[in-house]
Protein backbone atom coordinates (compact mmCIF):
# COMPACT_ATOMS: atom_id res chain seq x y z
CA MET A 1 -14.09 5.02 3.84
CA LYS A 2 -13.16 3.07 7.06
CA GLU A 3 -15.15 -0.25 5.07
CA GLU A 4 -13.41 0.06 2.73
CA ASN A 5 -10.43 -0.03 3.90
CA LYS A 6 -11.50 -3.32 6.25
CA ASN A 7 -12.23 -5.00 3.14
CA VAL A 8 -8.91 -3.88 1.76
CA ASP A 9 -7.01 -5.65 5.10
CA ILE A 10 -8.97 -8.85 4.69
CA ASP A 11 -8.69 -9.65 1.34
CA TYR A 12 -4.73 -9.24 1.59
CA GLU A 13 -4.67 -10.70 4.39
CA TYR A 14 -7.01 -12.99 3.13
CA SER A 15 -4.76 -13.51 -0.43
CA ARG A 16 -1.35 -13.78 1.57
CA LYS A 17 -2.44 -16.72 3.10
CA THR A 18 -3.06 -18.28 0.22
CA TYR A 19 -0.52 -17.65 -1.77
CA TYR A 20 1.87 -18.91 0.99
CA GLU A 21 -0.16 -21.86 0.64
CA LEU A 22 0.60 -22.03 -2.49
CA ILE A 23 4.04 -22.09 -2.12
CA GLU A 24 4.49 -24.93 0.02
CA LYS A 25 2.31 -27.20 -1.84
CA SER A 26 4.34 -26.08 -4.41
CA LYS A 27 7.56 -27.04 -2.31
CA GLU A 28 6.28 -30.59 -2.09
CA SER A 29 4.73 -31.12 -5.22
CA LEU A 30 8.73 -29.65 -6.07
CA ASP A 31 10.18 -32.09 -4.13
CA LEU A 32 8.51 -34.96 -5.31
CA MET A 33 8.66 -34.47 -9.08
CA LEU A 34 11.89 -34.39 -8.26
CA GLU A 35 12.16 -37.73 -7.16
CA VAL A 36 9.87 -38.89 -10.30
CA ALA A 37 12.55 -37.06 -12.29
CA LYS A 38 16.13 -38.08 -11.06
CA GLU A 39 14.04 -41.83 -11.35
CA SER A 40 13.00 -41.59 -14.74
CA GLU A 41 15.43 -39.74 -16.07
CA HIS A 42 12.65 -38.83 -18.98
CA PRO A 43 13.28 -35.48 -20.30
CA ARG A 44 9.51 -34.90 -19.85
CA ALA A 45 10.35 -34.98 -16.58
CA PHE A 46 12.71 -32.10 -16.89
CA GLU A 47 10.69 -30.07 -18.80
CA VAL A 48 8.22 -30.14 -16.31
CA LEU A 49 9.98 -29.47 -13.43
CA GLY A 50 11.42 -26.82 -14.51
CA ASN A 51 8.27 -25.86 -15.10
CA MET A 52 7.33 -26.38 -11.62
CA ILE A 53 10.27 -23.90 -10.88
CA LYS A 54 9.26 -21.02 -12.95
CA GLN A 55 5.30 -21.19 -11.51
CA ILE A 56 6.67 -21.74 -7.78
CA SER A 57 9.18 -18.84 -8.67
CA ASP A 58 6.10 -16.40 -10.27
CA VAL A 59 3.38 -17.08 -6.86
CA ASN A 60 6.93 -15.80 -5.36
CA ASP A 61 6.80 -12.73 -7.26
CA LYS A 62 2.86 -12.35 -7.21
CA LEU A 63 2.99 -12.52 -3.28
CA LEU A 64 6.29 -9.61 -3.23
CA ASP A 65 2.97 -7.69 -5.65
CA VAL A 66 0.60 -8.43 -3.86
CA ASN A 67 2.98 -6.88 -0.60
CA ILE A 68 3.74 -3.14 -2.22
CA LYS A 69 0.01 -2.28 -3.73
CA MET A 70 -0.95 -3.18 -0.05
CA GLN A 71 2.06 -0.22 1.38
CA LYS A 72 1.61 1.90 -1.56
CA ALA A 73 -2.41 1.84 -0.66
CA LYS A 74 -1.96 2.84 2.12
CA SER A 75 0.45 5.09 1.36
CA GLN A 76 -1.68 6.91 -0.83
CA ASP A 77 -4.61 6.95 1.98
CA GLU A 78 -2.18 8.26 4.37
CA VAL A 79 -1.36 11.08 1.98
CA LYS A 80 -5.22 12.37 0.93
CA GLN A 81 -6.12 12.43 4.95
CA LEU A 82 -2.81 14.73 5.49
CA GLU A 83 -3.80 16.28 2.19
CA THR A 84 -7.87 16.99 3.58
CA THR A 85 -8.84 19.98 4.40
CA THR A 86 -12.99 20.41 4.95
CA ASN A 87 -14.63 24.20 5.13
CA ASN A 88 -11.97 26.09 6.60
CA LEU A 89 -13.23 29.65 8.08
CA PHE A 90 -11.72 32.74 9.75
CA VAL A 91 -14.37 34.31 11.95
CA GLY A 92 -13.13 37.89 12.36
CA THR A 93 -11.55 41.47 11.52
CA THR A 94 -9.76 41.83 9.02
CA THR A 95 -7.02 43.55 11.35
CA ASP A 96 -7.20 40.17 13.15
CA LEU A 97 -6.54 38.08 10.13
CA GLN A 98 -3.37 40.20 9.30
CA ARG A 99 -2.26 40.15 12.97
CA MET A 100 -2.88 36.12 12.56
CA LEU A 101 -0.43 36.51 9.25
CA LYS A 102 1.92 37.81 11.12
CA GLU A 103 2.56 35.88 13.37
CA ILE A 104 3.39 33.18 10.53
CA LYS A 105 5.13 35.96 8.59
CA PRO A 106 6.57 38.58 11.53
CA ASP A 107 7.99 40.73 8.55
CA GLU A 108 4.53 41.97 7.38
CA ASN A 109 3.00 45.77 8.34
CA VAL A 110 -0.18 45.08 10.22
CA ILE A 111 -2.64 47.91 9.44
CA ASP A 112 -4.46 48.74 12.31
CA VAL A 113 -8.00 49.89 11.14
CA GLU A 114 -10.34 50.84 14.67
CA PRO A 115 -13.54 51.39 13.83
CA GLU A 116 -15.28 54.12 13.91
CA GLU A 117 -17.72 54.88 17.02
């Protein structure tokens, strides 16, 4: 399970880094396209500029989605760790068990049964 978590963390960091690089390169391309659109005043250039803006915002959304998915995965792992109970076993007499339960619930009466000799 730890190996899986390690791989998920590595993939998450790689994905995050890739999205950052895509966003940075998109910003540079957007600046260049803005200049082209201004200079040419061609409708197609402005259409491409609008599409680029939409694509950059989509990449930003995907980056946020990756972060949200990672947070959910980590919180689910924490819950699984808290919920896991393996092989609980009480070793003792019924009286010992009742005394232990009485400490948890002091309202209950303990029935003392002495073993016969």
